[in-house]
Amino acid sequence: MSEKTENKTKSFVLRIDAEMMSAVEKWAADEFRSTNGQILFLLDNALKKSGRRK
């Protein structure tokens, strides 16, 4: 795989309160996503909405 097409990801620790995490987990399950996938989906939508990402 060339460097241009290689998917690069970074890992980091996220501290989130239990109530919010439960809500995200339920939302993820409702939309057939993993919890990580749901968080990425939400961040991507927020970045696009704010004009910070195309």
PDB file of N, CA and C in Angstrom:
ATOM      1  N   MET A   1       0.851  -1.176   0.000  1.00  0.00           N
ATOM      2  CA  MET A   1       0.000   0.000   0.000  1.00  0.00           C
ATOM      3  C   MET A   1       0.894   1.236   0.000  1.00  0.00           C
ATOM      4  N   SER A   2       0.623   2.178  -0.870  1.00  0.00           N
ATOM      5  CA  SER A   2       1.454   3.377  -0.931  1.00  0.00           C
ATOM      6  C   SER A   2       1.161   4.281   0.254  1.00  0.00           C
ATOM      7  N   GLU A   3       2.088   5.176   0.523  1.00  0.00           N
ATOM      8  CA  GLU A   3       1.927   6.090   1.652  1.00  0.00           C
ATOM      9  C   GLU A   3       0.725   6.998   1.480  1.00  0.00           C
ATOM     10  N   LYS A   4       0.401   7.366   0.232  1.00  0.00           N
ATOM     11  CA  LYS A   4      -0.728   8.253  -0.029  1.00  0.00           C
ATOM     12  C   LYS A   4      -2.062   7.591   0.287  1.00  0.00           C
ATOM     13  N   THR A   5      -2.179   6.272   0.086  1.00  0.00           N
ATOM     14  CA  THR A   5      -3.451   5.594   0.307  1.00  0.00           C
ATOM     15  C   THR A   5      -3.518   4.888   1.657  1.00  0.00           C
ATOM     16  N   GLU A   6      -2.413   4.888   2.386  1.00  0.00           N
ATOM     17  CA  GLU A   6      -2.386   4.217   3.677  1.00  0.00           C
ATOM     18  C   GLU A   6      -3.241   4.982   4.690  1.00  0.00           C
ATOM     19  N   ASN A   7      -4.100   4.265   5.400  1.00  0.00           N
ATOM     20  CA  ASN A   7      -4.941   4.877   6.431  1.00  0.00           C
ATOM     21  C   ASN A   7      -4.119   5.043   7.701  1.00  0.00           C
ATOM     22  N   LYS A   8      -3.973   6.274   8.148  1.00  0.00           N
ATOM     23  CA  LYS A   8      -3.196   6.547   9.348  1.00  0.00           C
ATOM     24  C   LYS A   8      -4.146   6.925  10.472  1.00  0.00           C
ATOM     25  N   THR A   9      -4.028   6.252  11.595  1.00  0.00           N
ATOM     26  CA  THR A   9      -4.851   6.570  12.751  1.00  0.00           C
ATOM     27  C   THR A   9      -3.953   6.769  13.957  1.00  0.00           C
ATOM     28  N   LYS A  10      -4.460   7.522  14.922  1.00  0.00           N
ATOM     29  CA  LYS A  10      -3.762   7.757  16.179  1.00  0.00           C
ATOM     30  C   LYS A  10      -4.652   7.247  17.301  1.00  0.00           C
ATOM     31  N   SER A  11      -4.033   6.693  18.292  1.00  0.00           N
ATOM     32  CA  SER A  11      -4.759   6.235  19.482  1.00  0.00           C
ATOM     33  C   SER A  11      -4.524   7.225  20.614  1.00  0.00           C
ATOM     34  N   PHE A  12      -5.538   7.400  21.446  1.00  0.00           N
ATOM     35  CA  PHE A  12      -5.388   8.238  22.632  1.00  0.00           C
ATOM     36  C   PHE A  12      -6.429   7.833  23.662  1.00  0.00           C
ATOM     37  N   VAL A  13      -6.187   8.228  24.891  1.00  0.00           N
ATOM     38  CA  VAL A  13      -7.100   7.921  25.989  1.00  0.00           C
ATOM     39  C   VAL A  13      -8.155   9.018  26.049  1.00  0.00           C
ATOM     40  N   LEU A  14      -9.397   8.619  26.194  1.00  0.00           N
ATOM     41  CA  LEU A  14     -10.500   9.572  26.313  1.00  0.00           C
ATOM     42  C   LEU A  14     -11.184   9.350  27.656  1.00  0.00           C
ATOM     43  N   ARG A  15     -11.238  10.390  28.442  1.00  0.00           N
ATOM     44  CA  ARG A  15     -11.962  10.303  29.719  1.00  0.00           C
ATOM     45  C   ARG A  15     -13.363  10.857  29.493  1.00  0.00           C
ATOM     46  N   ILE A  16     -14.360  10.065  29.834  1.00  0.00           N
ATOM     47  CA  ILE A  16     -15.761  10.430  29.599  1.00  0.00           C
ATOM     48  C   ILE A  16     -16.572   9.896  30.776  1.00  0.00           C
ATOM     49  N   ASP A  17     -17.521  10.691  31.249  1.00  0.00           N
ATOM     50  CA  ASP A  17     -18.284  10.224  32.410  1.00  0.00           C
ATOM     51  C   ASP A  17     -19.179   9.042  32.025  1.00  0.00           C
ATOM     52  N   ALA A  18     -19.519   8.246  33.010  1.00  0.00           N
ATOM     53  CA  ALA A  18     -20.236   6.989  32.792  1.00  0.00           C
ATOM     54  C   ALA A  18     -21.589   7.195  32.108  1.00  0.00           C
ATOM     55  N   GLU A  19     -22.309   8.238  32.483  1.00  0.00           N
ATOM     56  CA  GLU A  19     -23.633   8.491  31.899  1.00  0.00           C
ATOM     57  C   GLU A  19     -23.518   8.811  30.409  1.00  0.00           C
ATOM     58  N   MET A  20     -22.545   9.652  30.050  1.00  0.00           N
ATOM     59  CA  MET A  20     -22.351   9.983  28.642  1.00  0.00           C
ATOM     60  C   MET A  20     -21.902   8.761  27.857  1.00  0.00           C
ATOM     61  N   MET A  21     -21.015   7.964  28.431  1.00  0.00           N
ATOM     62  CA  MET A  21     -20.527   6.765  27.751  1.00  0.00           C
ATOM     63  C   MET A  21     -21.669   5.783  27.494  1.00  0.00           C
ATOM     64  N   SER A  22     -22.533   5.623  28.469  1.00  0.00           N
ATOM     65  CA  SER A  22     -23.691   4.734  28.300  1.00  0.00           C
ATOM     66  C   SER A  22     -24.585   5.210  27.162  1.00  0.00           C
ATOM     67  N   ALA A  23     -24.784   6.521  27.077  1.00  0.00           N
ATOM     68  CA  ALA A  23     -25.624   7.080  26.016  1.00  0.00           C
ATOM     69  C   ALA A  23     -24.979   6.851  24.643  1.00  0.00           C
ATOM     70  N   VAL A  24     -23.661   7.043  24.554  1.00  0.00           N
ATOM     71  CA  VAL A  24     -22.950   6.825  23.287  1.00  0.00           C
ATOM     72  C   VAL A  24     -22.993   5.347  22.905  1.00  0.00           C
ATOM     73  N   GLU A  25     -22.803   4.462  23.869  1.00  0.00           N
ATOM     74  CA  GLU A  25     -22.855   3.017  23.590  1.00  0.00           C
ATOM     75  C   GLU A  25     -24.228   2.603  23.083  1.00  0.00           C
ATOM     76  N   LYS A  26     -25.292   3.124  23.699  1.00  0.00           N
ATOM     77  CA  LYS A  26     -26.642   2.788  23.251  1.00  0.00           C
ATOM     78  C   LYS A  26     -26.898   3.335  21.851  1.00  0.00           C
ATOM     79  N   TRP A  27     -26.490   4.565  21.611  1.00  0.00           N
ATOM     80  CA  TRP A  27     -26.655   5.189  20.296  1.00  0.00           C
ATOM     81  C   TRP A  27     -25.903   4.386  19.240  1.00  0.00           C
ATOM     82  N   ALA A  28     -24.691   3.970  19.557  1.00  0.00           N
ATOM     83  CA  ALA A  28     -23.894   3.155  18.633  1.00  0.00           C
ATOM     84  C   ALA A  28     -24.620   1.854  18.305  1.00  0.00           C
ATOM     85  N   ALA A  29     -25.122   1.185  19.316  1.00  0.00           N
ATOM     86  CA  ALA A  29     -25.841  -0.076  19.105  1.00  0.00           C
ATOM     87  C   ALA A  29     -27.087   0.145  18.250  1.00  0.00           C
ATOM     88  N   ASP A  30     -27.797   1.243  18.500  1.00  0.00           N
ATOM     89  CA  ASP A  30     -29.001   1.556  17.724  1.00  0.00           C
ATOM     90  C   ASP A  30     -28.681   1.749  16.241  1.00  0.00           C
ATOM     91  N   GLU A  31     -27.471   2.229  15.934  1.00  0.00           N
ATOM     92  CA  GLU A  31     -27.076   2.498  14.549  1.00  0.00           C
ATOM     93  C   GLU A  31     -26.111   1.444  14.008  1.00  0.00           C
ATOM     94  N   PHE A  32     -25.989   0.322  14.732  1.00  0.00           N
ATOM     95  CA  PHE A  32     -25.160  -0.815  14.309  1.00  0.00           C
ATOM     96  C   PHE A  32     -23.702  -0.413  14.068  1.00  0.00           C
ATOM     97  N   ARG A  33     -23.179   0.418  14.970  1.00  0.00           N
ATOM     98  CA  ARG A  33     -21.779   0.818  14.933  1.00  0.00           C
ATOM     99  C   ARG A  33     -21.119   0.380  16.232  1.00  0.00           C
ATOM    100  N   SER A  34     -19.796   0.286  16.199  1.00  0.00           N
ATOM    101  CA  SER A  34     -19.051   0.095  17.437  1.00  0.00           C
ATOM    102  C   SER A  34     -19.059   1.428  18.186  1.00  0.00           C
ATOM    103  N   THR A  35     -18.745   1.387  19.456  1.00  0.00           N
ATOM    104  CA  THR A  35     -18.665   2.629  20.226  1.00  0.00           C
ATOM    105  C   THR A  35     -17.597   3.544  19.629  1.00  0.00           C
ATOM    106  N   ASN A  36     -16.447   2.993  19.299  1.00  0.00           N
ATOM    107  CA  ASN A  36     -15.380   3.779  18.682  1.00  0.00           C
ATOM    108  C   ASN A  36     -15.854   4.373  17.357  1.00  0.00           C
ATOM    109  N   GLY A  37     -16.527   3.575  16.549  1.00  0.00           N
ATOM    110  CA  GLY A  37     -17.048   4.056  15.280  1.00  0.00           C
ATOM    111  C   GLY A  37     -18.052   5.183  15.458  1.00  0.00           C
ATOM    112  N   GLN A  38     -18.862   5.094  16.491  1.00  0.00           N
ATOM    113  CA  GLN A  38     -19.862   6.135  16.760  1.00  0.00           C
ATOM    114  C   GLN A  38     -19.179   7.434  17.163  1.00  0.00           C
ATOM    115  N   ILE A  39     -18.161   7.348  18.001  1.00  0.00           N
ATOM    116  CA  ILE A  39     -17.441   8.550  18.419  1.00  0.00           C
ATOM    117  C   ILE A  39     -16.768   9.200  17.212  1.00  0.00           C
ATOM    118  N   LEU A  40     -16.150   8.402  16.343  1.00  0.00           N
ATOM    119  CA  LEU A  40     -15.539   8.940  15.126  1.00  0.00           C
ATOM    120  C   LEU A  40     -16.587   9.594  14.228  1.00  0.00           C
ATOM    121  N   PHE A  41     -17.741   8.963  14.088  1.00  0.00           N
ATOM    122  CA  PHE A  41     -18.841   9.495  13.294  1.00  0.00           C
ATOM    123  C   PHE A  41     -19.292  10.852  13.832  1.00  0.00           C
ATOM    124  N   LEU A  42     -19.453  10.945  15.145  1.00  0.00           N
ATOM    125  CA  LEU A  42     -19.897  12.193  15.766  1.00  0.00           C
ATOM    126  C   LEU A  42     -18.854  13.297  15.608  1.00  0.00           C
ATOM    127  N   LEU A  43     -17.590  12.957  15.816  1.00  0.00           N
ATOM    128  CA  LEU A  43     -16.525  13.948  15.657  1.00  0.00           C
ATOM    129  C   LEU A  43     -16.433  14.430  14.208  1.00  0.00           C
ATOM    130  N   ASP A  44     -16.528  13.501  13.270  1.00  0.00           N
ATOM    131  CA  ASP A  44     -16.461  13.862  11.853  1.00  0.00           C
ATOM    132  C   ASP A  44     -17.599  14.807  11.478  1.00  0.00           C
ATOM    133  N   ASN A  45     -18.817  14.491  11.924  1.00  0.00           N
ATOM    134  CA  ASN A  45     -19.960  15.363  11.630  1.00  0.00           C
ATOM    135  C   ASN A  45     -19.795  16.740  12.250  1.00  0.00           C
ATOM    136  N   ALA A  46     -19.288  16.812  13.470  1.00  0.00           N
ATOM    137  CA  ALA A  46     -19.081  18.098  14.134  1.00  0.00           C
ATOM    138  C   ALA A  46     -18.021  18.922  13.406  1.00  0.00           C
ATOM    139  N   LEU A  47     -16.958  18.272  12.963  1.00  0.00           N
ATOM    140  CA  LEU A  47     -15.907  18.975  12.230  1.00  0.00           C
ATOM    141  C   LEU A  47     -16.416  19.503  10.889  1.00  0.00           C
ATOM    142  N   LYS A  48     -17.205  18.705  10.195  1.00  0.00           N
ATOM    143  CA  LYS A  48     -17.773  19.142   8.919  1.00  0.00           C
ATOM    144  C   LYS A  48     -18.747  20.309   9.126  1.00  0.00           C
ATOM    145  N   LYS A  49     -19.598  20.206  10.139  1.00  0.00           N
ATOM    146  CA  LYS A  49     -20.586  21.246  10.419  1.00  0.00           C
ATOM    147  C   LYS A  49     -19.928  22.572  10.765  1.00  0.00           C
ATOM    148  N   SER A  50     -18.786  22.514  11.447  1.00  0.00           N
ATOM    149  CA  SER A  50     -18.091  23.743  11.846  1.00  0.00           C
ATOM    150  C   SER A  50     -17.192  24.285  10.740  1.00  0.00           C
ATOM    151  N   GLY A  51     -17.098  23.559   9.618  1.00  0.00           N
ATOM    152  CA  GLY A  51     -16.268  24.001   8.513  1.00  0.00           C
ATOM    153  C   GLY A  51     -14.798  23.729   8.712  1.00  0.00           C
ATOM    154  N   ARG A  52     -14.455  22.884   9.647  1.00  0.00           N
ATOM    155  CA  ARG A  52     -13.060  22.567   9.930  1.00  0.00           C
ATOM    156  C   ARG A  52     -12.563  21.359   9.153  1.00  0.00           C
ATOM    157  N   ARG A  53     -13.476  20.681   8.461  1.00  0.00           N
ATOM    158  CA  ARG A  53     -13.129  19.509   7.655  1.00  0.00           C
ATOM    159  C   ARG A  53     -14.105  19.421   6.497  1.00  0.00           C
ATOM    160  N   LYS A  54     -13.582  19.079   5.319  1.00  0.00           N
ATOM    161  CA  LYS A  54     -14.450  18.968   4.133  1.00  0.00           C
ATOM    162  C   LYS A  54     -15.225  17.691   4.138  1.00  0.00           C
TER     163      LYS A  54
END
